[in-house]
Amino acid sequence: MGDETWSYVNWLTHAKNAAHFDAEIGIAITSHLLATVTASAMRASAQQHDRCANCDSYAVLAGECQSCGRIDESYAPPSSRPELSEEEVTARLAEPCIPTSDISTYLTPDRFGQRP
């Protein structure tokens, strides 16, 4: 999937006969690739099981099955974020937030997951 997306967008970058719809296709397939890679990474890093060990239901919320009522004793809630004081909030809001993008690193699909 990554190879095909890379090939298409690379062609699009250099094509003299590309049209607006070609760019729309490039945006769509790049978005799809990023969503798929993100979902795959999230699935691979998930530590909790998504299904109830008792009834195999997907209706598990905070370690408790909503279908059969089983409670997972090994469930640990995520840690909460520390509360900010009014001074910290004011100081953070006083500084401009300027998103930046590091475009100095280019990765091809065969190098994905490797450090540059």
PDB file of N, CA and C in Angstrom:
ATOM      1  N   MET A   1       0.824  -1.186   0.000  1.00  0.00           N
ATOM      2  CA  MET A   1       0.000   0.000   0.000  1.00  0.00           C
ATOM      3  C   MET A   1       0.878   1.263   0.000  1.00  0.00           C
ATOM      4  N   GLY A   2       1.930   1.214   0.812  1.00  0.00           N
ATOM      5  CA  GLY A   2       2.840   2.353   0.873  1.00  0.00           C
ATOM      6  C   GLY A   2       3.593   2.560  -0.428  1.00  0.00           C
ATOM      7  N   ASP A   3       4.004   1.455  -1.047  1.00  0.00           N
ATOM      8  CA  ASP A   3       4.733   1.561  -2.319  1.00  0.00           C
ATOM      9  C   ASP A   3       3.869   2.195  -3.408  1.00  0.00           C
ATOM     10  N   GLU A   4       2.622   1.758  -3.489  1.00  0.00           N
ATOM     11  CA  GLU A   4       1.738   2.297  -4.519  1.00  0.00           C
ATOM     12  C   GLU A   4       1.435   3.776  -4.266  1.00  0.00           C
ATOM     13  N   THR A   5       1.209   4.126  -2.995  1.00  0.00           N
ATOM     14  CA  THR A   5       0.954   5.530  -2.653  1.00  0.00           C
ATOM     15  C   THR A   5       2.164   6.376  -2.988  1.00  0.00           C
ATOM     16  N   TRP A   6       3.340   5.897  -2.608  1.00  0.00           N
ATOM     17  CA  TRP A   6       4.581   6.627  -2.886  1.00  0.00           C
ATOM     18  C   TRP A   6       4.763   6.814  -4.396  1.00  0.00           C
ATOM     19  N   SER A   7       4.545   5.758  -5.155  1.00  0.00           N
ATOM     20  CA  SER A   7       4.714   5.842  -6.611  1.00  0.00           C
ATOM     21  C   SER A   7       3.756   6.862  -7.221  1.00  0.00           C
ATOM     22  N   TYR A   8       2.492   6.818  -6.792  1.00  0.00           N
ATOM     23  CA  TYR A   8       1.503   7.733  -7.352  1.00  0.00           C
ATOM     24  C   TYR A   8       1.835   9.183  -7.015  1.00  0.00           C
ATOM     25  N   VAL A   9       2.121   9.452  -5.754  1.00  0.00           N
ATOM     26  CA  VAL A   9       2.395  10.830  -5.340  1.00  0.00           C
ATOM     27  C   VAL A   9       3.703  11.319  -5.953  1.00  0.00           C
ATOM     28  N   ASN A  10       4.674  10.437  -6.110  1.00  0.00           N
ATOM     29  CA  ASN A  10       5.919  10.818  -6.776  1.00  0.00           C
ATOM     30  C   ASN A  10       5.642  11.179  -8.233  1.00  0.00           C
ATOM     31  N   TRP A  11       4.821  10.375  -8.904  1.00  0.00           N
ATOM     32  CA  TRP A  11       4.439  10.703 -10.285  1.00  0.00           C
ATOM     33  C   TRP A  11       3.730  12.046 -10.314  1.00  0.00           C
ATOM     34  N   LEU A  12       2.786  12.241  -9.393  1.00  0.00           N
ATOM     35  CA  LEU A  12       2.002  13.472  -9.349  1.00  0.00           C
ATOM     36  C   LEU A  12       2.883  14.699  -9.148  1.00  0.00           C
ATOM     37  N   THR A  13       3.904  14.557  -8.333  1.00  0.00           N
ATOM     38  CA  THR A  13       4.812  15.678  -8.058  1.00  0.00           C
ATOM     39  C   THR A  13       5.513  16.156  -9.321  1.00  0.00           C
ATOM     40  N   HIS A  14       5.840  15.238 -10.208  1.00  0.00           N
ATOM     41  CA  HIS A  14       6.634  15.585 -11.383  1.00  0.00           C
ATOM     42  C   HIS A  14       5.848  15.599 -12.693  1.00  0.00           C
ATOM     43  N   ALA A  15       4.586  15.238 -12.658  1.00  0.00           N
ATOM     44  CA  ALA A  15       3.802  15.147 -13.895  1.00  0.00           C
ATOM     45  C   ALA A  15       3.410  16.530 -14.415  1.00  0.00           C
ATOM     46  N   LYS A  16       3.654  16.753 -15.683  1.00  0.00           N
ATOM     47  CA  LYS A  16       3.266  18.014 -16.303  1.00  0.00           C
ATOM     48  C   LYS A  16       1.807  17.989 -16.764  1.00  0.00           C
ATOM     49  N   ASN A  17       1.264  16.802 -16.908  1.00  0.00           N
ATOM     50  CA  ASN A  17      -0.112  16.684 -17.395  1.00  0.00           C
ATOM     51  C   ASN A  17      -1.102  16.327 -16.276  1.00  0.00           C
ATOM     52  N   ALA A  18      -0.701  16.503 -15.007  1.00  0.00           N
ATOM     53  CA  ALA A  18      -1.596  16.181 -13.892  1.00  0.00           C
ATOM     54  C   ALA A  18      -2.712  17.212 -13.790  1.00  0.00           C
ATOM     55  N   ALA A  19      -3.893  16.742 -13.452  1.00  0.00           N
ATOM     56  CA  ALA A  19      -5.061  17.612 -13.322  1.00  0.00           C
ATOM     57  C   ALA A  19      -5.462  17.709 -11.848  1.00  0.00           C
ATOM     58  N   HIS A  20      -6.435  18.558 -11.599  1.00  0.00           N
ATOM     59  CA  HIS A  20      -6.922  18.770 -10.239  1.00  0.00           C
ATOM     60  C   HIS A  20      -7.385  17.459  -9.602  1.00  0.00           C
ATOM     61  N   PHE A  21      -8.076  16.638 -10.381  1.00  0.00           N
ATOM     62  CA  PHE A  21      -8.566  15.375  -9.833  1.00  0.00           C
ATOM     63  C   PHE A  21      -7.425  14.431  -9.467  1.00  0.00           C
ATOM     64  N   ASP A  22      -6.307  14.519 -10.186  1.00  0.00           N
ATOM     65  CA  ASP A  22      -5.146  13.707  -9.825  1.00  0.00           C
ATOM     66  C   ASP A  22      -4.640  14.095  -8.439  1.00  0.00           C
ATOM     67  N   ALA A  23      -4.648  15.389  -8.147  1.00  0.00           N
ATOM     68  CA  ALA A  23      -4.236  15.858  -6.820  1.00  0.00           C
ATOM     69  C   ALA A  23      -5.225  15.385  -5.755  1.00  0.00           C
ATOM     70  N   GLU A  24      -6.517  15.402  -6.067  1.00  0.00           N
ATOM     71  CA  GLU A  24      -7.520  14.923  -5.120  1.00  0.00           C
ATOM     72  C   GLU A  24      -7.309  13.442  -4.817  1.00  0.00           C
ATOM     73  N   ILE A  25      -6.978  12.671  -5.832  1.00  0.00           N
ATOM     74  CA  ILE A  25      -6.690  11.248  -5.629  1.00  0.00           C
ATOM     75  C   ILE A  25      -5.457  11.096  -4.746  1.00  0.00           C
ATOM     76  N   GLY A  26      -4.429  11.884  -4.998  1.00  0.00           N
ATOM     77  CA  GLY A  26      -3.213  11.834  -4.188  1.00  0.00           C
ATOM     78  C   GLY A  26      -3.481  12.140  -2.724  1.00  0.00           C
ATOM     79  N   ILE A  27      -4.308  13.140  -2.474  1.00  0.00           N
ATOM     80  CA  ILE A  27      -4.665  13.490  -1.095  1.00  0.00           C
ATOM     81  C   ILE A  27      -5.433  12.337  -0.449  1.00  0.00           C
ATOM     82  N   ALA A  28      -6.370  11.775  -1.179  1.00  0.00           N
ATOM     83  CA  ALA A  28      -7.204  10.693  -0.627  1.00  0.00           C
ATOM     84  C   ALA A  28      -6.372   9.453  -0.304  1.00  0.00           C
ATOM     85  N   ILE A  29      -5.492   9.045  -1.203  1.00  0.00           N
ATOM     86  CA  ILE A  29      -4.731   7.817  -0.932  1.00  0.00           C
ATOM     87  C   ILE A  29      -3.685   8.045   0.152  1.00  0.00           C
ATOM     88  N   THR A  30      -3.137   9.261   0.233  1.00  0.00           N
ATOM     89  CA  THR A  30      -2.188   9.562   1.308  1.00  0.00           C
ATOM     90  C   THR A  30      -2.900   9.569   2.654  1.00  0.00           C
ATOM     91  N   SER A  31      -4.079  10.162   2.700  1.00  0.00           N
ATOM     92  CA  SER A  31      -4.866  10.167   3.933  1.00  0.00           C
ATOM     93  C   SER A  31      -5.225   8.742   4.356  1.00  0.00           C
ATOM     94  N   HIS A  32      -5.621   7.929   3.396  1.00  0.00           N
ATOM     95  CA  HIS A  32      -5.972   6.535   3.690  1.00  0.00           C
ATOM     96  C   HIS A  32      -4.767   5.766   4.217  1.00  0.00           C
ATOM     97  N   LEU A  33      -3.615   5.973   3.601  1.00  0.00           N
ATOM     98  CA  LEU A  33      -2.399   5.300   4.050  1.00  0.00           C
ATOM     99  C   LEU A  33      -2.063   5.703   5.479  1.00  0.00           C
ATOM    100  N   LEU A  34      -2.109   6.999   5.772  1.00  0.00           N
ATOM    101  CA  LEU A  34      -1.786   7.468   7.122  1.00  0.00           C
ATOM    102  C   LEU A  34      -2.771   6.917   8.154  1.00  0.00           C
ATOM    103  N   ALA A  35      -4.050   6.877   7.805  1.00  0.00           N
ATOM    104  CA  ALA A  35      -5.050   6.333   8.724  1.00  0.00           C
ATOM    105  C   ALA A  35      -4.816   4.847   8.968  1.00  0.00           C
ATOM    106  N   THR A  36      -4.457   4.117   7.929  1.00  0.00           N
ATOM    107  CA  THR A  36      -4.214   2.684   8.060  1.00  0.00           C
ATOM    108  C   THR A  36      -2.976   2.410   8.903  1.00  0.00           C
ATOM    109  N   VAL A  37      -1.903   3.148   8.657  1.00  0.00           N
ATOM    110  CA  VAL A  37      -0.674   2.967   9.438  1.00  0.00           C
ATOM    111  C   VAL A  37      -0.923   3.336  10.899  1.00  0.00           C
ATOM    112  N   THR A  38      -1.662   4.421  11.140  1.00  0.00           N
ATOM    113  CA  THR A  38      -1.973   4.828  12.508  1.00  0.00           C
ATOM    114  C   THR A  38      -2.807   3.766  13.221  1.00  0.00           C
ATOM    115  N   ALA A  39      -3.843   3.265  12.560  1.00  0.00           N
ATOM    116  CA  ALA A  39      -4.680   2.228  13.168  1.00  0.00           C
ATOM    117  C   ALA A  39      -3.879   0.958  13.439  1.00  0.00           C
ATOM    118  N   SER A  40      -2.988   0.600  12.534  1.00  0.00           N
ATOM    119  CA  SER A  40      -2.154  -0.584  12.728  1.00  0.00           C
ATOM    120  C   SER A  40      -1.219  -0.408  13.913  1.00  0.00           C
ATOM    121  N   ALA A  41      -0.629   0.770  14.044  1.00  0.00           N
ATOM    122  CA  ALA A  41       0.269   1.033  15.168  1.00  0.00           C
ATOM    123  C   ALA A  41      -0.494   1.015  16.486  1.00  0.00           C
ATOM    124  N   MET A  42      -1.689   1.590  16.491  1.00  0.00           N
ATOM    125  CA  MET A  42      -2.498   1.583  17.713  1.00  0.00           C
ATOM    126  C   MET A  42      -2.905   0.167  18.089  1.00  0.00           C
ATOM    127  N   ARG A  43      -3.246  -0.624  17.099  1.00  0.00           N
ATOM    128  CA  ARG A  43      -3.640  -2.010  17.368  1.00  0.00           C
ATOM    129  C   ARG A  43      -2.466  -2.806  17.907  1.00  0.00           C
ATOM    130  N   ALA A  44      -1.284  -2.590  17.337  1.00  0.00           N
ATOM    131  CA  ALA A  44      -0.101  -3.326  17.772  1.00  0.00           C
ATOM    132  C   ALA A  44       0.330  -2.931  19.181  1.00  0.00           C
ATOM    133  N   SER A  45       0.079  -1.681  19.559  1.00  0.00           N
ATOM    134  CA  SER A  45       0.530  -1.226  20.870  1.00  0.00           C
ATOM    135  C   SER A  45      -0.531  -1.376  21.956  1.00  0.00           C
ATOM    136  N   ALA A  46      -1.723  -1.842  21.591  1.00  0.00           N
ATOM    137  CA  ALA A  46      -2.793  -1.992  22.585  1.00  0.00           C
ATOM    138  C   ALA A  46      -2.402  -3.048  23.614  1.00  0.00           C
ATOM    139  N   GLN A  47      -2.515  -2.679  24.871  1.00  0.00           N
ATOM    140  CA  GLN A  47      -2.152  -3.613  25.938  1.00  0.00           C
ATOM    141  C   GLN A  47      -3.371  -4.299  26.521  1.00  0.00           C
ATOM    142  N   GLN A  48      -4.529  -3.687  26.436  1.00  0.00           N
ATOM    143  CA  GLN A  48      -5.752  -4.272  26.972  1.00  0.00           C
ATOM    144  C   GLN A  48      -6.467  -5.050  25.873  1.00  0.00           C
ATOM    145  N   HIS A  49      -7.115  -6.111  26.254  1.00  0.00           N
ATOM    146  CA  HIS A  49      -7.917  -6.864  25.295  1.00  0.00           C
ATOM    147  C   HIS A  49      -9.206  -6.101  25.031  1.00  0.00           C
ATOM    148  N   ASP A  50      -9.658  -6.147  23.808  1.00  0.00           N
ATOM    149  CA  ASP A  50     -10.857  -5.427  23.428  1.00  0.00           C
ATOM    150  C   ASP A  50     -12.131  -6.229  23.677  1.00  0.00           C
ATOM    151  N   ARG A  51     -12.004  -7.509  24.007  1.00  0.00           N
ATOM    152  CA  ARG A  51     -13.177  -8.365  24.171  1.00  0.00           C
ATOM    153  C   ARG A  51     -13.206  -8.942  25.580  1.00  0.00           C
ATOM    154  N   CYS A  52     -14.401  -9.242  26.019  1.00  0.00           N
ATOM    155  CA  CYS A  52     -14.599  -9.847  27.335  1.00  0.00           C
ATOM    156  C   CYS A  52     -14.102 -11.295  27.307  1.00  0.00           C
ATOM    157  N   ALA A  53     -13.351 -11.668  28.323  1.00  0.00           N
ATOM    158  CA  ALA A  53     -12.832 -13.034  28.399  1.00  0.00           C
ATOM    159  C   ALA A  53     -13.930 -14.035  28.737  1.00  0.00           C
ATOM    160  N   ASN A  54     -15.040 -13.551  29.283  1.00  0.00           N
ATOM    161  CA  ASN A  54     -16.133 -14.434  29.690  1.00  0.00           C
ATOM    162  C   ASN A  54     -17.133 -14.693  28.557  1.00  0.00           C
ATOM    163  N   CYS A  55     -17.645 -13.612  27.947  1.00  0.00           N
ATOM    164  CA  CYS A  55     -18.711 -13.775  26.936  1.00  0.00           C
ATOM    165  C   CYS A  55     -18.281 -13.364  25.535  1.00  0.00           C
ATOM    166  N   ASP A  56     -17.031 -12.932  25.371  1.00  0.00           N
ATOM    167  CA  ASP A  56     -16.466 -12.547  24.074  1.00  0.00           C
ATOM    168  C   ASP A  56     -17.102 -11.280  23.500  1.00  0.00           C
ATOM    169  N   SER A  57     -17.753 -10.487  24.338  1.00  0.00           N
ATOM    170  CA  SER A  57     -18.400  -9.258  23.890  1.00  0.00           C
ATOM    171  C   SER A  57     -17.364  -8.142  23.703  1.00  0.00           C
ATOM    172  N   TYR A  58     -17.656  -7.226  22.785  1.00  0.00           N
ATOM    173  CA  TYR A  58     -16.823  -6.055  22.598  1.00  0.00           C
ATOM    174  C   TYR A  58     -17.221  -4.918  23.547  1.00  0.00           C
ATOM    175  N   ALA A  59     -18.287  -5.090  24.277  1.00  0.00           N
ATOM    176  CA  ALA A  59     -18.820  -4.035  25.136  1.00  0.00           C
ATOM    177  C   ALA A  59     -18.082  -3.985  26.469  1.00  0.00           C
ATOM    178  N   VAL A  60     -16.775  -3.768  26.429  1.00  0.00           N
ATOM    179  CA  VAL A  60     -15.969  -3.675  27.634  1.00  0.00           C
ATOM    180  C   VAL A  60     -15.590  -2.215  27.824  1.00  0.00           C
ATOM    181  N   LEU A  61     -15.939  -1.681  28.990  1.00  0.00           N
ATOM    182  CA  LEU A  61     -15.685  -0.283  29.294  1.00  0.00           C
ATOM    183  C   LEU A  61     -15.028  -0.197  30.661  1.00  0.00           C
ATOM    184  N   ALA A  62     -13.827   0.367  30.698  1.00  0.00           N
ATOM    185  CA  ALA A  62     -13.077   0.557  31.942  1.00  0.00           C
ATOM    186  C   ALA A  62     -12.950  -0.745  32.732  1.00  0.00           C
ATOM    187  N   GLY A  63     -12.669  -1.837  32.037  1.00  0.00           N
ATOM    188  CA  GLY A  63     -12.443  -3.114  32.695  1.00  0.00           C
ATOM    189  C   GLY A  63     -13.698  -3.873  33.076  1.00  0.00           C
ATOM    190  N   GLU A  64     -14.883  -3.369  32.741  1.00  0.00           N
ATOM    191  CA  GLU A  64     -16.130  -4.054  33.076  1.00  0.00           C
ATOM    192  C   GLU A  64     -16.917  -4.350  31.806  1.00  0.00           C
ATOM    193  N   CYS A  65     -17.332  -5.603  31.660  1.00  0.00           N
ATOM    194  CA  CYS A  65     -18.141  -5.998  30.513  1.00  0.00           C
ATOM    195  C   CYS A  65     -19.556  -5.498  30.705  1.00  0.00           C
ATOM    196  N   GLN A  66     -20.042  -4.752  29.743  1.00  0.00           N
ATOM    197  CA  GLN A  66     -21.384  -4.201  29.813  1.00  0.00           C
ATOM    198  C   GLN A  66     -22.440  -5.244  29.488  1.00  0.00           C
ATOM    199  N   SER A  67     -22.035  -6.384  28.918  1.00  0.00           N
ATOM    200  CA  SER A  67     -22.988  -7.440  28.564  1.00  0.00           C
ATOM    201  C   SER A  67     -23.220  -8.420  29.716  1.00  0.00           C
ATOM    202  N   CYS A  68     -22.135  -8.942  30.283  1.00  0.00           N
ATOM    203  CA  CYS A  68     -22.297  -9.972  31.319  1.00  0.00           C
ATOM    204  C   CYS A  68     -21.902  -9.497  32.713  1.00  0.00           C
ATOM    205  N   GLY A  69     -21.299  -8.304  32.809  1.00  0.00           N
ATOM    206  CA  GLY A  69     -20.947  -7.755  34.115  1.00  0.00           C
ATOM    207  C   GLY A  69     -19.601  -8.202  34.659  1.00  0.00           C
ATOM    208  N   ARG A  70     -18.841  -9.003  33.924  1.00  0.00           N
ATOM    209  CA  ARG A  70     -17.535  -9.458  34.390  1.00  0.00           C
ATOM    210  C   ARG A  70     -16.609  -8.270  34.593  1.00  0.00           C
ATOM    211  N   ILE A  71     -15.860  -8.285  35.668  1.00  0.00           N
ATOM    212  CA  ILE A  71     -14.899  -7.219  35.962  1.00  0.00           C
ATOM    213  C   ILE A  71     -13.497  -7.782  35.806  1.00  0.00           C
ATOM    214  N   ASP A  72     -12.690  -7.130  35.006  1.00  0.00           N
ATOM    215  CA  ASP A  72     -11.303  -7.523  34.780  1.00  0.00           C
ATOM    216  C   ASP A  72     -10.458  -6.962  35.916  1.00  0.00           C
ATOM    217  N   GLU A  73      -9.981  -7.841  36.776  1.00  0.00           N
ATOM    218  CA  GLU A  73      -9.198  -7.407  37.938  1.00  0.00           C
ATOM    219  C   GLU A  73      -7.845  -6.821  37.541  1.00  0.00           C
ATOM    220  N   SER A  74      -7.363  -7.163  36.347  1.00  0.00           N
ATOM    221  CA  SER A  74      -6.057  -6.651  35.919  1.00  0.00           C
ATOM    222  C   SER A  74      -6.154  -5.273  35.266  1.00  0.00           C
ATOM    223  N   TYR A  75      -7.371  -4.749  35.115  1.00  0.00           N
ATOM    224  CA  TYR A  75      -7.547  -3.438  34.476  1.00  0.00           C
ATOM    225  C   TYR A  75      -6.952  -2.341  35.347  1.00  0.00           C
ATOM    226  N   ALA A  76      -6.160  -1.501  34.717  1.00  0.00           N
ATOM    227  CA  ALA A  76      -5.590  -0.338  35.402  1.00  0.00           C
ATOM    228  C   ALA A  76      -5.992   0.898  34.608  1.00  0.00           C
ATOM    229  N   PRO A  77      -6.693   1.835  35.234  1.00  0.00           N
ATOM    230  CA  PRO A  77      -7.104   3.029  34.493  1.00  0.00           C
ATOM    231  C   PRO A  77      -5.893   3.846  34.070  1.00  0.00           C
ATOM    232  N   PRO A  78      -6.014   4.587  32.977  1.00  0.00           N
ATOM    233  CA  PRO A  78      -4.891   5.412  32.546  1.00  0.00           C
ATOM    234  C   PRO A  78      -4.614   6.507  33.568  1.00  0.00           C
ATOM    235  N   SER A  79      -3.366   6.892  33.638  1.00  0.00           N
ATOM    236  CA  SER A  79      -3.006   7.947  34.591  1.00  0.00           C
ATOM    237  C   SER A  79      -3.596   9.275  34.126  1.00  0.00           C
ATOM    238  N   SER A  80      -4.002  10.072  35.076  1.00  0.00           N
ATOM    239  CA  SER A  80      -4.607  11.358  34.725  1.00  0.00           C
ATOM    240  C   SER A  80      -3.522  12.401  34.507  1.00  0.00           C
ATOM    241  N   ARG A  81      -3.857  13.385  33.710  1.00  0.00           N
ATOM    242  CA  ARG A  81      -2.910  14.463  33.449  1.00  0.00           C
ATOM    243  C   ARG A  81      -2.881  15.386  34.655  1.00  0.00           C
ATOM    244  N   PRO A  82      -1.731  15.956  34.970  1.00  0.00           N
ATOM    245  CA  PRO A  82      -1.673  16.878  36.110  1.00  0.00           C
ATOM    246  C   PRO A  82      -2.454  18.154  35.807  1.00  0.00           C
ATOM    247  N   GLU A  83      -3.110  18.671  36.824  1.00  0.00           N
ATOM    248  CA  GLU A  83      -3.851  19.910  36.673  1.00  0.00           C
ATOM    249  C   GLU A  83      -2.871  21.084  36.637  1.00  0.00           C
ATOM    250  N   LEU A  84      -3.140  22.040  35.758  1.00  0.00           N
ATOM    251  CA  LEU A  84      -2.302  23.222  35.662  1.00  0.00           C
ATOM    252  C   LEU A  84      -2.864  24.329  36.541  1.00  0.00           C
ATOM    253  N   SER A  85      -1.971  25.073  37.150  1.00  0.00           N
ATOM    254  CA  SER A  85      -2.421  26.215  37.943  1.00  0.00           C
ATOM    255  C   SER A  85      -2.825  27.344  37.002  1.00  0.00           C
ATOM    256  N   GLU A  86      -3.532  28.326  37.534  1.00  0.00           N
ATOM    257  CA  GLU A  86      -3.950  29.476  36.729  1.00  0.00           C
ATOM    258  C   GLU A  86      -2.739  30.194  36.141  1.00  0.00           C
ATOM    259  N   GLU A  87      -1.654  30.282  36.916  1.00  0.00           N
ATOM    260  CA  GLU A  87      -0.438  30.943  36.438  1.00  0.00           C
ATOM    261  C   GLU A  87       0.181  30.193  35.264  1.00  0.00           C
ATOM    262  N   GLU A  88       0.191  28.848  35.351  1.00  0.00           N
ATOM    263  CA  GLU A  88       0.744  28.045  34.253  1.00  0.00           C
ATOM    264  C   GLU A  88      -0.099  28.183  32.993  1.00  0.00           C
ATOM    265  N   VAL A  89      -1.420  28.180  33.142  1.00  0.00           N
ATOM    266  CA  VAL A  89      -2.306  28.339  31.995  1.00  0.00           C
ATOM    267  C   VAL A  89      -2.094  29.701  31.357  1.00  0.00           C
ATOM    268  N   THR A  90      -2.018  30.752  32.165  1.00  0.00           N
ATOM    269  CA  THR A  90      -1.807  32.102  31.653  1.00  0.00           C
ATOM    270  C   THR A  90      -0.468  32.209  30.932  1.00  0.00           C
ATOM    271  N   ALA A  91       0.574  31.620  31.513  1.00  0.00           N
ATOM    272  CA  ALA A  91       1.901  31.667  30.887  1.00  0.00           C
ATOM    273  C   ALA A  91       1.913  30.928  29.549  1.00  0.00           C
ATOM    274  N   ARG A  92       1.244  29.778  29.478  1.00  0.00           N
ATOM    275  CA  ARG A  92       1.202  29.018  28.226  1.00  0.00           C
ATOM    276  C   ARG A  92       0.400  29.741  27.150  1.00  0.00           C
ATOM    277  N   LEU A  93      -0.676  30.392  27.559  1.00  0.00           N
ATOM    278  CA  LEU A  93      -1.491  31.113  26.590  1.00  0.00           C
ATOM    279  C   LEU A  93      -0.832  32.405  26.120  1.00  0.00           C
ATOM    280  N   ALA A  94       0.102  32.927  26.893  1.00  0.00           N
ATOM    281  CA  ALA A  94       0.787  34.161  26.517  1.00  0.00           C
ATOM    282  C   ALA A  94       1.777  33.940  25.379  1.00  0.00           C
ATOM    283  N   GLU A  95       2.297  32.737  25.276  1.00  0.00           N
ATOM    284  CA  GLU A  95       3.261  32.414  24.224  1.00  0.00           C
ATOM    285  C   GLU A  95       2.523  31.997  22.959  1.00  0.00           C
ATOM    286  N   PRO A  96       2.946  32.503  21.797  1.00  0.00           N
ATOM    287  CA  PRO A  96       2.279  32.062  20.564  1.00  0.00           C
ATOM    288  C   PRO A  96       2.594  30.597  20.262  1.00  0.00           C
ATOM    289  N   CYS A  97       1.616  29.915  19.758  1.00  0.00           N
ATOM    290  CA  CYS A  97       1.789  28.516  19.365  1.00  0.00           C
ATOM    291  C   CYS A  97       1.911  28.485  17.850  1.00  0.00           C
ATOM    292  N   ILE A  98       3.098  28.198  17.380  1.00  0.00           N
ATOM    293  CA  ILE A  98       3.340  28.181  15.945  1.00  0.00           C
ATOM    294  C   ILE A  98       3.706  26.760  15.542  1.00  0.00           C
ATOM    295  N   PRO A  99       2.777  26.057  14.903  1.00  0.00           N
ATOM    296  CA  PRO A  99       3.103  24.701  14.464  1.00  0.00           C
ATOM    297  C   PRO A  99       4.206  24.728  13.413  1.00  0.00           C
ATOM    298  N   THR A 100       5.108  23.806  13.532  1.00  0.00           N
ATOM    299  CA  THR A 100       6.182  23.707  12.556  1.00  0.00           C
ATOM    300  C   THR A 100       6.181  22.314  11.956  1.00  0.00           C
ATOM    301  N   SER A 101       6.866  22.176  10.872  1.00  0.00           N
ATOM    302  CA  SER A 101       6.963  20.883  10.220  1.00  0.00           C
ATOM    303  C   SER A 101       8.412  20.652   9.838  1.00  0.00           C
ATOM    304  N   ASP A 102       8.930  19.514  10.231  1.00  0.00           N
ATOM    305  CA  ASP A 102      10.294  19.162   9.874  1.00  0.00           C
ATOM    306  C   ASP A 102      10.263  18.425   8.542  1.00  0.00           C
ATOM    307  N   ILE A 103      10.590  19.121   7.473  1.00  0.00           N
ATOM    308  CA  ILE A 103      10.570  18.484   6.156  1.00  0.00           C
ATOM    309  C   ILE A 103      11.976  18.122   5.696  1.00  0.00           C
ATOM    310  N   SER A 104      12.919  18.105   6.638  1.00  0.00           N
ATOM    311  CA  SER A 104      14.284  17.785   6.252  1.00  0.00           C
ATOM    312  C   SER A 104      14.518  16.280   6.153  1.00  0.00           C
ATOM    313  N   THR A 105      13.594  15.475   6.636  1.00  0.00           N
ATOM    314  CA  THR A 105      13.745  14.029   6.593  1.00  0.00           C
ATOM    315  C   THR A 105      12.721  13.443   5.633  1.00  0.00           C
ATOM    316  N   TYR A 106      13.201  12.787   4.618  1.00  0.00           N
ATOM    317  CA  TYR A 106      12.319  12.141   3.651  1.00  0.00           C
ATOM    318  C   TYR A 106      12.502  10.630   3.773  1.00  0.00           C
ATOM    319  N   LEU A 107      11.409   9.918   3.925  1.00  0.00           N
ATOM    320  CA  LEU A 107      11.469   8.469   4.043  1.00  0.00           C
ATOM    321  C   LEU A 107      10.722   7.838   2.888  1.00  0.00           C
ATOM    322  N   THR A 108      11.325   6.847   2.298  1.00  0.00           N
ATOM    323  CA  THR A 108      10.650   6.064   1.274  1.00  0.00           C
ATOM    324  C   THR A 108       9.938   4.912   1.981  1.00  0.00           C
ATOM    325  N   PRO A 109       8.975   4.268   1.339  1.00  0.00           N
ATOM    326  CA  PRO A 109       8.260   3.172   2.004  1.00  0.00           C
ATOM    327  C   PRO A 109       9.174   2.060   2.503  1.00  0.00           C
ATOM    328  N   ASP A 110      10.275   1.781   1.799  1.00  0.00           N
ATOM    329  CA  ASP A 110      11.160   0.712   2.255  1.00  0.00           C
ATOM    330  C   ASP A 110      11.973   1.104   3.480  1.00  0.00           C
ATOM    331  N   ARG A 111      12.043   2.411   3.796  1.00  0.00           N
ATOM    332  CA  ARG A 111      12.762   2.867   4.985  1.00  0.00           C
ATOM    333  C   ARG A 111      11.824   3.201   6.137  1.00  0.00           C
ATOM    334  N   PHE A 112      10.499   3.044   5.955  1.00  0.00           N
ATOM    335  CA  PHE A 112       9.531   3.386   6.989  1.00  0.00           C
ATOM    336  C   PHE A 112       9.810   2.557   8.234  1.00  0.00           C
ATOM    337  N   GLY A 113       9.802   3.200   9.376  1.00  0.00           N
ATOM    338  CA  GLY A 113      10.048   2.511  10.636  1.00  0.00           C
ATOM    339  C   GLY A 113      11.506   2.489  11.028  1.00  0.00           C
ATOM    340  N   GLN A 114      12.391   2.879  10.119  1.00  0.00           N
ATOM    341  CA  GLN A 114      13.822   2.952  10.437  1.00  0.00           C
ATOM    342  C   GLN A 114      14.172   4.386  10.769  1.00  0.00           C
ATOM    343  N   ARG A 115      15.140   4.556  11.610  1.00  0.00           N
ATOM    344  CA  ARG A 115      15.586   5.896  11.959  1.00  0.00           C
ATOM    345  C   ARG A 115      16.473   6.413  10.824  1.00  0.00           C
ATOM    346  N   PRO A 116      16.275   7.699  10.444  1.00  0.00           N
ATOM    347  CA  PRO A 116      17.083   8.257   9.364  1.00  0.00           C
ATOM    348  C   PRO A 116      18.535   8.393   9.734  1.00  0.00           C
TER     349      PRO A 116
END
